[in-house]
């Protein structure tokens, strides 16, 4: 009792000077250094330190950003609590943080820990009601939980704790549509954000928001770029554009789809970049310096013309003779495959022979496709030699030194090519090789960043055929995965 009075006296004194104070009595805690950590998204970050004395830790702060924080004790043991516009006094035990937790001062943490304890008791009751004969009791238990949530959480959102807890409450599906899958899904989708206050910046400092955001964009909506962009804009545009919540959400979604391995998701990166990062002189991305912003916007500009559904930039280049010029736009095939490659590229040396095997099988099956392999070397001797020695029977084209050095003559006088064709490396953003694009009969991009394996699978699906070479490709792919895994294990041992 005396210790509690001392703690209250300390808080009263500090509050005269406008400090926000956090005090924790942790029974069994030795005198040591204790850390205060704060969530930003799903991760905890260092916020402050204090030395415990007589089992008590006090953090004195002028002002803390609201959110979920953690007191981290030795051996990385920690417990979470809510920081809002109030002082916090709590008491617990080093061996059972949640079970022995007492909230002596803090309306938010009383709501927070009352709910944790309530859910714990409900889970115990639910475990005891397993079996068909207890369906009515389980329904009554479910109703009790919903009533608690309604009376103590969703109706009390003036408190940050209630907002945090409300984010985990699922939309209540009306009884009349519960058994209709399509209507239940649509209702859930449209009401997913009902209990998430995206106008309150503090929710970014909780792990709950990250989980809800990630689940929505990964599991809830169709993985179609236009759909993803629509829902991303709907959520983000309700946020304060100068807030950390806005920053976190924009960055998280932009980076997620910029680095996605799923074909076509770069369209989401472009739509996010165009709306929130670009143009540079009117950017909403206040957290990025101008140099990085310029790079990001340039990347978005280069990527935009190469998205799935876009017509591939036209290329008119010469074959190995440097005399015959080929315009792939004039090829009549149902499909065209553009392969940008370099004979000095190690990965190309592995992939080009595989592509040739696939090409030969497709021709044997009378698939209406033509491969156009574009050499990216500025000097063509190695390229020409490789093409001849390896008998690459598809269309082989490239630029060559004289065409680049005397571009005006070839473009305006001889009229055999175009400026865009000679700048194909820029137009197709060839920063690495090989780069592969599958085009339809209108020269629109229907596949990109393909290797031989993914191309074979795609063509099997498009043409409803069986490709024998696919079995070999899959076997080689499994062996390569195994080799990489064994190499990682060996490096870890070393």
Protein backbone atom coordinates (compact mmCIF):
# COMPACT_ATOMS: atom_id res chain seq x y z
CA UNK A 1 0.00 0.00 0.00
CA UNK A 2 2.81 2.39 0.93
CA UNK A 3 4.61 1.62 -2.35
CA UNK A 4 1.46 2.43 -4.31
CA UNK A 5 1.12 5.77 -2.49
CA UNK A 6 4.75 6.58 -3.28
CA UNK A 7 4.17 5.82 -6.97
CA UNK A 8 1.05 8.02 -7.03
CA UNK A 9 3.01 10.84 -5.40
CA UNK A 10 5.71 10.58 -8.07
CA UNK A 11 3.06 10.76 -10.79
CA UNK A 12 1.36 13.76 -9.21
CA UNK A 13 4.67 15.63 -8.99
CA UNK A 14 5.64 14.83 -12.59
CA UNK A 15 2.25 15.80 -13.98
CA UNK A 16 2.80 19.36 -12.76
CA UNK A 17 5.43 19.61 -15.50
CA UNK A 18 3.23 17.97 -18.18
CA UNK A 19 4.94 14.59 -18.30
CA UNK A 20 3.22 11.37 -19.24
CA UNK A 21 4.30 8.65 -16.87
CA UNK A 22 4.28 4.90 -17.00
CA UNK A 23 4.89 2.91 -13.84
CA UNK A 24 5.00 -0.86 -13.46
CA UNK A 25 5.36 -2.94 -10.32
CA UNK A 26 6.66 -6.35 -11.46
CA UNK A 27 6.87 -8.81 -8.60
CA UNK A 28 9.98 -10.97 -8.84
CA UNK A 29 11.86 -8.55 -11.11
CA UNK A 30 15.46 -7.97 -10.11
CA UNK A 31 17.18 -4.60 -10.39
CA UNK A 32 18.06 -4.44 -14.07
CA UNK A 33 17.63 -2.53 -17.33
CA UNK A 34 14.13 -2.71 -18.76
CA UNK A 35 13.15 -1.61 -22.25
CA UNK A 36 10.09 0.19 -23.54
CA UNK A 37 9.17 -0.80 -27.09
CA UNK A 38 6.57 0.56 -29.49
CA UNK A 39 4.82 -1.09 -32.40
CA UNK A 40 5.04 0.32 -35.89
CA UNK A 41 3.04 -2.04 -38.04
CA UNK A 42 3.79 -5.62 -37.02
CA UNK A 43 7.22 -4.97 -35.51
CA UNK A 44 8.36 -3.66 -32.15
CA UNK A 45 10.94 -0.88 -32.03
CA UNK A 46 12.99 0.54 -29.16
CA UNK A 47 11.38 3.58 -27.54
CA UNK A 48 13.07 4.05 -24.14
CA UNK A 49 14.94 2.38 -21.27
CA UNK A 50 14.69 2.54 -17.51
CA UNK A 51 16.35 0.86 -14.56
CA UNK A 52 14.11 -1.18 -12.30
CA UNK A 53 14.51 -0.75 -8.56
CA UNK A 54 12.67 -2.60 -5.82
CA UNK A 55 10.63 -4.42 -8.49
CA UNK A 56 9.39 -1.13 -9.93
CA UNK A 57 10.02 0.41 -13.36
CA UNK A 58 9.10 4.00 -14.16
CA UNK A 59 9.28 5.58 -17.63
CA UNK A 60 8.92 9.36 -17.63
CA UNK A 61 8.01 10.91 -20.97
CA UNK A 62 6.82 14.35 -22.00
CA UNK A 63 4.54 12.85 -24.66
CA UNK A 64 4.18 9.41 -26.18
CA UNK A 65 2.41 8.63 -29.44
CA UNK A 66 -0.64 6.52 -28.73
CA UNK A 67 -0.63 2.82 -29.54
CA UNK A 68 0.34 -0.57 -28.15
CA UNK A 69 3.64 -0.60 -26.28
CA UNK A 70 5.57 -3.37 -24.56
CA UNK A 71 7.61 -3.53 -21.37
CA UNK A 72 10.52 -5.84 -22.23
CA UNK A 73 12.25 -7.52 -19.31
CA UNK A 74 15.39 -9.70 -19.27
CA UNK A 75 15.27 -12.85 -21.43
CA UNK A 76 13.00 -10.93 -23.84
CA UNK A 77 9.92 -11.54 -21.71
CA UNK A 78 7.40 -8.79 -22.30
CA UNK A 79 3.82 -7.70 -21.80
CA UNK A 80 1.79 -5.24 -23.84
CA UNK A 81 -0.27 -2.28 -22.76
CA UNK A 82 -2.08 0.71 -24.23
CA UNK A 83 -0.61 4.20 -24.32
CA UNK A 84 -3.13 7.02 -24.75
CA UNK A 85 -3.57 10.47 -23.20
CA UNK A 86 -3.31 9.27 -19.62
CA UNK A 87 -0.85 8.00 -17.03
CA UNK A 88 -0.48 4.28 -16.53
CA UNK A 89 0.07 2.37 -13.28
CA UNK A 90 0.06 -1.42 -13.47
CA UNK A 91 1.18 -4.34 -11.32
CA UNK A 92 1.98 -7.90 -12.35
CA UNK A 93 4.32 -10.85 -11.75
CA UNK A 94 7.48 -11.76 -13.66
CA UNK A 95 6.26 -15.37 -14.03
CA UNK A 96 2.71 -14.64 -15.23
CA UNK A 97 2.34 -11.22 -16.82
CA UNK A 98 -1.23 -11.48 -18.11
CA UNK A 99 -2.64 -13.76 -15.43
CA UNK A 100 -1.47 -11.57 -12.53
CA UNK A 101 -2.00 -8.21 -14.23
CA UNK A 102 -3.68 -5.46 -12.16
CA UNK A 103 -4.45 -2.10 -13.73
CA UNK A 104 -4.29 0.47 -10.94
CA UNK A 105 -4.61 3.52 -13.17
CA UNK A 106 -5.54 3.77 -16.87
CA UNK A 107 -9.02 3.51 -18.27
CA UNK A 108 -7.69 2.18 -21.56
CA UNK A 109 -5.75 -0.66 -20.00
CA UNK A 110 -8.67 -1.63 -17.79
CA UNK A 111 -10.76 -2.11 -20.92
CA UNK A 112 -7.85 -3.87 -22.66
CA UNK A 113 -7.12 -6.41 -19.92
CA UNK A 114 -10.76 -6.94 -18.96
CA UNK A 115 -11.40 -8.05 -22.53
CA UNK A 116 -8.34 -10.32 -22.56
CA UNK A 117 -9.53 -12.01 -19.38
CA UNK A 118 -13.11 -12.25 -20.66
CA UNK A 119 -12.04 -13.94 -23.90
CA UNK A 120 -9.85 -16.32 -21.92
CA UNK A 121 -12.79 -17.41 -19.80
CA UNK A 122 -15.00 -17.80 -22.88
CA UNK A 123 -12.43 -20.04 -24.56
CA UNK A 124 -12.33 -22.27 -21.50
CA UNK A 125 -16.11 -22.58 -21.57
CA UNK A 126 -16.10 -23.26 -25.32
CA UNK A 127 -13.56 -26.06 -24.87
CA UNK A 128 -15.88 -27.75 -22.41
CA UNK A 129 -18.78 -27.61 -24.87
CA UNK A 130 -17.40 -29.87 -27.58
CA UNK A 131 -19.90 -32.23 -29.21
CA UNK A 132 -23.21 -32.02 -31.11
CA UNK A 133 -25.43 -31.95 -28.01
CA UNK A 134 -24.07 -28.58 -26.89
CA UNK A 135 -24.91 -26.54 -29.99
CA UNK A 136 -27.45 -24.36 -28.14
CA UNK A 137 -24.99 -23.67 -25.35
CA UNK A 138 -22.29 -22.75 -27.89
CA UNK A 139 -24.69 -20.37 -29.64
CA UNK A 140 -25.52 -18.79 -26.27
CA UNK A 141 -21.81 -18.43 -25.57
CA UNK A 142 -21.30 -16.79 -28.95
CA UNK A 143 -24.14 -14.38 -28.22
CA UNK A 144 -22.60 -13.54 -24.85
CA UNK A 145 -19.30 -12.66 -26.55
CA UNK A 146 -21.05 -10.47 -29.12
CA UNK A 147 -23.04 -8.67 -26.43
CA UNK A 148 -19.85 -8.04 -24.47
CA UNK A 149 -18.17 -6.66 -27.59
CA UNK A 150 -21.15 -4.45 -28.36
CA UNK A 151 -21.56 -3.09 -24.81
CA UNK A 152 -17.90 -2.71 -23.88
CA UNK A 153 -15.99 -2.30 -27.15
CA UNK A 154 -17.84 -1.11 -30.25
CA UNK A 155 -20.03 1.31 -28.25
CA UNK A 156 -17.05 2.77 -26.41
CA UNK A 157 -14.73 3.86 -29.23
CA UNK A 158 -13.80 7.12 -27.57
CA UNK A 159 -11.05 5.04 -25.93
CA UNK A 160 -8.03 3.93 -27.94
CA UNK A 161 -8.17 0.51 -26.28
CA UNK A 162 -11.70 0.01 -27.59
CA UNK A 163 -10.58 0.98 -31.10
CA UNK A 164 -7.70 -1.48 -30.92
CA UNK A 165 -9.92 -4.31 -29.70
CA UNK A 166 -12.70 -3.46 -32.17
CA UNK A 167 -10.32 -4.09 -35.08
CA UNK A 168 -10.33 -7.79 -34.21
CA UNK A 169 -14.12 -8.03 -34.19
CA UNK A 170 -15.45 -9.63 -37.38
CA UNK A 171 -18.44 -8.12 -39.22
CA UNK A 172 -21.70 -9.61 -37.94
CA UNK A 173 -23.26 -11.37 -40.94
CA UNK A 174 -27.09 -11.05 -41.03
CA UNK A 175 -28.85 -14.38 -40.43
CA UNK A 176 -30.77 -14.25 -43.71
CA UNK A 177 -27.58 -14.43 -45.82
CA UNK A 178 -25.32 -16.60 -43.64
CA UNK A 179 -25.99 -19.71 -45.74
CA UNK A 180 -25.53 -18.02 -49.12
CA UNK A 181 -21.81 -18.02 -49.90
CA UNK A 182 -21.79 -15.23 -52.49
CA UNK A 183 -23.91 -12.86 -50.40
CA UNK A 184 -22.00 -13.67 -47.20
CA UNK A 185 -18.68 -12.95 -48.93
CA UNK A 186 -19.89 -9.70 -50.45
CA UNK A 187 -21.31 -8.50 -47.13
CA UNK A 188 -18.10 -9.39 -45.31
CA UNK A 189 -16.04 -7.64 -47.97
CA UNK A 190 -18.10 -4.45 -47.90
CA UNK A 191 -18.13 -4.31 -44.09
CA UNK A 192 -14.57 -5.48 -43.45
CA UNK A 193 -13.38 -2.00 -42.39
CA UNK A 194 -16.45 -1.07 -40.31
CA UNK A 195 -14.65 -1.58 -36.99
CA UNK A 196 -11.33 -0.11 -38.11
CA UNK A 197 -11.02 3.63 -37.61
CA UNK A 198 -8.56 4.57 -40.37
CA UNK A 199 -8.93 8.23 -39.42
CA UNK A 200 -7.08 7.55 -36.14
CA UNK A 201 -3.35 7.63 -36.80
CA UNK A 202 -2.59 5.73 -33.58
CA UNK A 203 -3.78 2.38 -34.93
CA UNK A 204 -0.59 2.10 -37.01
CA UNK A 205 1.20 1.57 -33.69
CA UNK A 206 -0.62 -1.70 -33.15
CA UNK A 207 0.09 -5.10 -34.70
CA UNK A 208 -3.64 -5.55 -35.26
CA UNK A 209 -3.83 -3.03 -38.10
CA UNK A 210 -1.02 -4.70 -40.02
CA UNK A 211 -2.69 -8.12 -39.72
CA UNK A 212 -6.04 -6.76 -40.89
CA UNK A 213 -4.44 -4.86 -43.78
CA UNK A 214 -2.35 -7.81 -44.89
CA UNK A 215 -5.23 -10.29 -44.67
CA UNK A 216 -7.56 -8.05 -46.66
CA UNK A 217 -5.18 -7.59 -49.59
CA UNK A 218 -3.79 -11.12 -49.53
CA UNK A 219 -6.90 -13.21 -48.86
CA UNK A 220 -10.09 -11.16 -49.11
CA UNK A 221 -10.05 -9.53 -52.53
CA UNK A 222 -9.42 -11.08 -55.97
CA UNK A 223 -5.77 -10.81 -56.95
CA UNK A 224 -6.49 -8.61 -59.95
CA UNK A 225 -4.45 -5.38 -60.20
CA UNK A 226 -7.42 -3.09 -60.96
CA UNK A 227 -9.37 -4.53 -58.03
CA UNK A 228 -6.41 -4.22 -55.66
CA UNK A 229 -5.85 -0.60 -56.71
CA UNK A 230 -9.54 0.23 -56.23
CA UNK A 231 -9.68 -1.07 -52.66
CA UNK A 232 -6.26 0.36 -51.78
CA UNK A 233 -7.34 3.83 -52.85
CA UNK A 234 -10.67 3.49 -51.00
CA UNK A 235 -8.91 2.76 -47.70
CA UNK A 236 -5.94 5.11 -48.04
CA UNK A 237 -7.95 8.12 -49.17
CA UNK A 238 -9.80 8.14 -45.82
CA UNK A 239 -6.52 8.61 -43.94
CA UNK A 240 -4.77 11.81 -42.99
CA UNK A 241 -2.20 12.23 -45.78
CA UNK A 242 0.32 13.66 -43.32
CA UNK A 243 0.02 10.82 -40.83
CA UNK A 244 2.23 7.83 -40.10
CA UNK A 245 -0.76 5.58 -40.79
CA UNK A 246 -0.92 6.95 -44.32
CA UNK A 247 2.85 6.57 -44.72
CA UNK A 248 2.84 2.99 -43.46
CA UNK A 249 -0.10 1.85 -45.57
CA UNK A 250 1.10 3.46 -48.79
CA UNK A 251 4.65 2.17 -48.36
CA UNK A 252 3.54 -1.33 -47.32
CA UNK A 253 1.24 -1.86 -50.30
CA UNK A 254 3.56 -0.21 -52.82
CA UNK A 255 6.55 -2.29 -51.74
CA UNK A 256 4.47 -5.47 -51.46
CA UNK A 257 3.44 -5.34 -55.11
CA UNK A 258 6.65 -3.79 -56.41
CA UNK A 259 8.55 -6.85 -55.16
CA UNK A 260 5.83 -9.44 -55.87
CA UNK A 261 6.80 -12.60 -57.74
CA UNK A 262 3.27 -12.88 -59.14
CA UNK A 263 3.12 -11.92 -62.79
CA UNK A 264 1.21 -8.71 -63.43
CA UNK A 265 1.32 -7.32 -59.89
CA UNK A 266 3.70 -4.57 -61.04
CA UNK A 267 0.51 -2.85 -62.26
CA UNK A 268 -0.39 -2.23 -58.61
CA UNK A 269 3.04 -0.70 -58.01
CA UNK A 270 2.44 1.65 -60.95
CA UNK A 271 -1.03 2.73 -59.80
CA UNK A 272 0.24 3.37 -56.26
CA UNK A 273 3.26 5.29 -57.53
CA UNK A 274 1.21 7.45 -59.88
CA UNK A 275 -1.34 8.37 -57.19
CA UNK A 276 0.79 8.84 -54.07
CA UNK A 277 4.43 9.32 -55.11
CA UNK A 278 4.37 11.01 -58.51
CA UNK A 279 4.80 13.52 -59.97
CA UNK A 280 7.83 14.45 -57.92
CA UNK A 281 6.87 18.12 -57.56
CA UNK A 282 3.41 17.22 -56.22
CA UNK A 283 4.18 14.07 -54.24
CA UNK A 284 2.23 12.96 -51.18
CA UNK A 285 5.18 10.79 -50.08
CA UNK A 286 6.60 13.28 -47.59
CA UNK A 287 8.91 10.64 -46.11
CA UNK A 288 11.08 10.08 -49.21
CA UNK A 289 13.95 12.32 -50.22
CA UNK A 290 13.85 13.84 -53.70
CA UNK A 291 16.58 11.60 -55.18
CA UNK A 292 14.80 8.37 -54.25
CA UNK A 293 11.50 9.85 -55.35
CA UNK A 294 12.90 10.63 -58.80
CA UNK A 295 14.17 7.04 -59.11
CA UNK A 296 10.82 5.58 -58.05
CA UNK A 297 8.85 7.74 -60.48
CA UNK A 298 11.24 6.91 -63.31
CA UNK A 299 10.75 3.21 -62.56
CA UNK A 300 6.98 3.65 -62.62
CA UNK A 301 7.18 5.52 -65.94
CA UNK A 302 9.31 2.75 -67.48
CA UNK A 303 7.08 -0.02 -66.12
CA UNK A 304 3.73 1.48 -67.16
CA UNK A 305 4.04 0.76 -70.94
CA UNK A 306 5.14 -2.83 -70.21
CA UNK A 307 2.21 -3.96 -68.08
CA UNK A 308 0.07 -6.98 -68.89
CA UNK A 309 -2.53 -5.91 -71.46
CA UNK A 310 -0.39 -3.14 -72.97
CA UNK A 311 0.73 -3.32 -76.58
CA UNK A 312 4.42 -4.17 -76.66
CA UNK A 313 6.63 -1.35 -77.98
CA UNK A 314 7.40 -1.82 -81.66
CA UNK A 315 10.83 -3.09 -82.67
CA UNK A 316 12.30 -3.08 -86.19
CA UNK A 317 15.85 -4.46 -86.15
CA UNK A 318 18.22 -6.33 -88.46
CA UNK A 319 19.00 -10.03 -88.40
CA UNK A 320 22.55 -11.43 -88.20
CA UNK A 321 23.24 -10.26 -91.78
CA UNK A 322 22.74 -6.63 -90.70
CA UNK A 323 20.93 -6.20 -94.03
CA UNK A 324 17.51 -7.78 -93.56
CA UNK A 325 15.29 -5.74 -91.24
CA UNK A 326 12.41 -7.41 -89.40
CA UNK A 327 9.34 -5.69 -87.93
CA UNK A 328 7.77 -8.10 -85.45
CA UNK A 329 4.51 -6.08 -85.64
CA UNK A 330 4.07 -7.54 -89.15
CA UNK A 331 4.38 -11.16 -88.07
CA UNK A 332 0.99 -12.91 -88.48
CA UNK A 333 1.31 -15.46 -85.66
CA UNK A 334 -1.22 -16.06 -82.90
CA UNK A 335 1.60 -15.63 -80.38
CA UNK A 336 4.99 -13.91 -80.41
CA UNK A 337 7.65 -14.44 -77.80
CA UNK A 338 10.22 -11.68 -77.30
CA UNK A 339 13.46 -12.87 -75.71
CA UNK A 340 16.02 -10.22 -74.78
CA UNK A 341 19.33 -11.94 -74.16
CA UNK A 342 23.10 -11.55 -74.09
CA UNK A 343 25.60 -14.30 -75.03
CA UNK A 344 27.83 -13.20 -72.14
CA UNK A 345 25.01 -13.67 -69.64
CA UNK A 346 25.44 -16.85 -67.59
CA UNK A 347 21.72 -17.27 -66.99
CA UNK A 348 21.03 -16.79 -70.71
CA UNK A 349 23.46 -19.62 -71.54
CA UNK A 350 21.32 -21.91 -69.37
CA UNK A 351 17.96 -20.64 -70.54
CA UNK A 352 18.43 -20.19 -74.31
CA UNK A 353 19.04 -23.92 -75.02
CA UNK A 354 15.90 -24.76 -73.00
CA UNK A 355 13.92 -22.19 -74.96
CA UNK A 356 15.17 -23.76 -78.19
CA UNK A 357 13.99 -27.22 -77.09
CA UNK A 358 10.56 -25.81 -76.24
CA UNK A 359 10.44 -23.89 -79.53
CA UNK A 360 11.11 -27.06 -81.53
CA UNK A 361 8.38 -29.00 -79.72
CA UNK A 362 5.86 -26.19 -80.21
CA UNK A 363 6.62 -26.15 -83.94
CA UNK A 364 6.19 -29.93 -84.10
CA UNK A 365 2.77 -29.51 -82.48
CA UNK A 366 1.88 -26.79 -85.01
CA UNK A 367 1.38 -24.14 -82.34
CA UNK A 368 1.11 -20.80 -84.13
CA UNK A 369 3.93 -19.04 -82.32
CA UNK A 370 7.16 -17.32 -83.33
CA UNK A 371 10.11 -16.55 -81.08
CA UNK A 372 11.93 -13.27 -81.67
CA UNK A 373 15.27 -13.31 -79.87
CA UNK A 374 16.76 -9.83 -79.46
CA UNK A 375 20.48 -9.59 -78.79
CA UNK A 376 21.29 -6.87 -76.27
CA UNK A 377 25.07 -6.73 -76.78
CA UNK A 378 26.28 -3.49 -78.31
CA UNK A 379 28.94 -5.49 -80.18
CA UNK A 380 27.42 -8.31 -82.23
CA UNK A 381 30.32 -10.67 -82.98
CA UNK A 382 29.74 -12.94 -79.97
CA UNK A 383 25.98 -12.83 -80.54
CA UNK A 384 26.26 -13.76 -84.23
CA UNK A 385 28.71 -16.54 -83.43
CA UNK A 386 26.47 -18.00 -80.72
CA UNK A 387 23.41 -17.90 -82.99
CA UNK A 388 25.21 -19.80 -85.75
CA UNK A 389 27.04 -22.33 -83.57
CA UNK A 390 23.90 -23.19 -81.59
CA UNK A 391 21.64 -23.17 -84.66
CA UNK A 392 19.00 -20.90 -83.19
CA UNK A 393 16.27 -21.37 -85.80
CA UNK A 394 13.92 -18.71 -84.54
CA UNK A 395 14.06 -15.04 -85.60
CA UNK A 396 17.27 -13.39 -84.37
CA UNK A 397 17.54 -9.61 -84.47
CA UNK A 398 19.63 -6.86 -82.88
CA UNK A 399 21.06 -3.43 -83.48
CA UNK A 400 24.70 -3.03 -84.48
CA UNK A 401 27.40 -0.34 -84.12
CA UNK A 402 26.88 1.38 -87.47
CA UNK A 403 23.12 1.63 -86.98
CA UNK A 404 23.61 3.28 -83.59
CA UNK A 405 26.44 5.56 -84.72
CA UNK A 406 24.55 6.64 -87.85
CA UNK A 407 21.03 6.41 -86.54
CA UNK A 408 19.83 9.40 -88.55
CA UNK A 409 20.77 7.68 -91.82
CA UNK A 410 19.00 4.41 -90.97
CA UNK A 411 15.89 6.17 -89.59
CA UNK A 412 15.35 9.07 -92.00
CA UNK A 413 17.31 8.25 -95.13
CA UNK A 414 17.14 4.47 -95.48
CA UNK A 415 13.86 4.36 -93.50
CA UNK A 416 14.51 0.82 -92.31
CA UNK A 417 14.04 1.32 -88.55
CA UNK A 418 12.79 3.77 -85.92
CA UNK A 419 14.28 5.69 -83.02
CA UNK A 420 12.21 3.60 -80.61
CA UNK A 421 13.61 0.42 -82.13
CA UNK A 422 17.21 1.52 -81.66
CA UNK A 423 16.31 2.54 -78.10
CA UNK A 424 14.74 -0.84 -77.33
CA UNK A 425 16.90 -1.28 -74.21
CA UNK A 426 15.30 1.82 -72.68
CA UNK A 427 11.80 1.11 -73.97
CA UNK A 428 11.85 -2.43 -72.55
CA UNK A 429 13.82 -1.44 -69.45
CA UNK A 430 16.48 -4.08 -70.11
CA UNK A 431 18.53 -3.86 -66.91
CA UNK A 432 19.18 -7.61 -66.79
CA UNK A 433 18.87 -10.58 -69.11
CA UNK A 434 17.10 -12.68 -70.12
CA UNK A 435 13.82 -10.76 -70.28
CA UNK A 436 10.88 -12.61 -71.85
CA UNK A 437 7.49 -11.32 -73.03
CA UNK A 438 4.66 -13.41 -74.47
CA UNK A 439 2.39 -11.46 -76.85
CA UNK A 440 -0.99 -12.26 -78.40
CA UNK A 441 -1.97 -11.75 -82.04
CA UNK A 442 -2.51 -8.03 -81.40
CA UNK A 443 0.99 -7.77 -79.93
CA UNK A 444 -0.44 -7.16 -76.46
CA UNK A 445 1.56 -8.46 -73.52
CA UNK A 446 -0.06 -11.52 -71.94
CA UNK A 447 2.97 -12.84 -70.06
CA UNK A 448 6.25 -11.41 -68.81
CA UNK A 449 9.31 -12.25 -66.71
CA UNK A 450 8.91 -15.82 -67.91
CA UNK A 451 11.45 -18.62 -67.87
CA UNK A 452 11.13 -21.73 -70.02
CA UNK A 453 9.26 -23.64 -67.31
CA UNK A 454 6.64 -20.95 -66.65
CA UNK A 455 6.29 -20.31 -70.40
CA UNK A 456 5.63 -24.00 -71.08
CA UNK A 457 3.00 -24.13 -68.33
CA UNK A 458 1.33 -21.01 -69.66
CA UNK A 459 1.18 -22.31 -73.23
CA UNK A 460 -0.16 -25.67 -72.04
CA UNK A 461 -3.01 -23.79 -70.38
CA UNK A 462 -3.64 -21.39 -73.29
CA UNK A 463 -3.59 -24.06 -75.99
CA UNK A 464 -4.90 -27.00 -73.94
CA UNK A 465 -2.00 -29.21 -74.99
CA UNK A 466 0.50 -31.51 -73.29
CA UNK A 467 4.13 -30.43 -73.62
CA UNK A 468 6.45 -33.41 -73.16
CA UNK A 469 9.47 -31.20 -72.46
CA UNK A 470 7.66 -29.78 -69.42
CA UNK A 471 8.40 -32.95 -67.42
CA UNK A 472 12.13 -32.48 -68.01
CA UNK A 473 11.93 -28.80 -67.08
CA UNK A 474 10.12 -29.57 -63.82
CA UNK A 475 12.63 -32.28 -62.95
CA UNK A 476 15.54 -29.90 -63.60
CA UNK A 477 13.79 -27.21 -61.55
CA UNK A 478 13.44 -29.56 -58.56
CA UNK A 479 17.11 -30.52 -58.81
CA UNK A 480 18.09 -26.85 -58.90
CA UNK A 481 15.96 -26.11 -55.82
CA UNK A 482 17.60 -29.04 -54.02
CA UNK A 483 21.06 -27.83 -55.03
CA UNK A 484 20.34 -24.32 -53.73
CA UNK A 485 18.89 -25.70 -50.48
CA UNK A 486 21.95 -27.93 -49.92
CA UNK A 487 24.23 -24.99 -50.63
CA UNK A 488 22.40 -22.87 -48.03
CA UNK A 489 22.67 -25.64 -45.45
CA UNK A 490 26.39 -26.00 -46.14
CA UNK A 491 26.95 -22.24 -45.82
CA UNK A 492 25.03 -22.18 -42.53
CA UNK A 493 27.24 -24.95 -41.14
CA UNK A 494 30.38 -23.13 -42.22
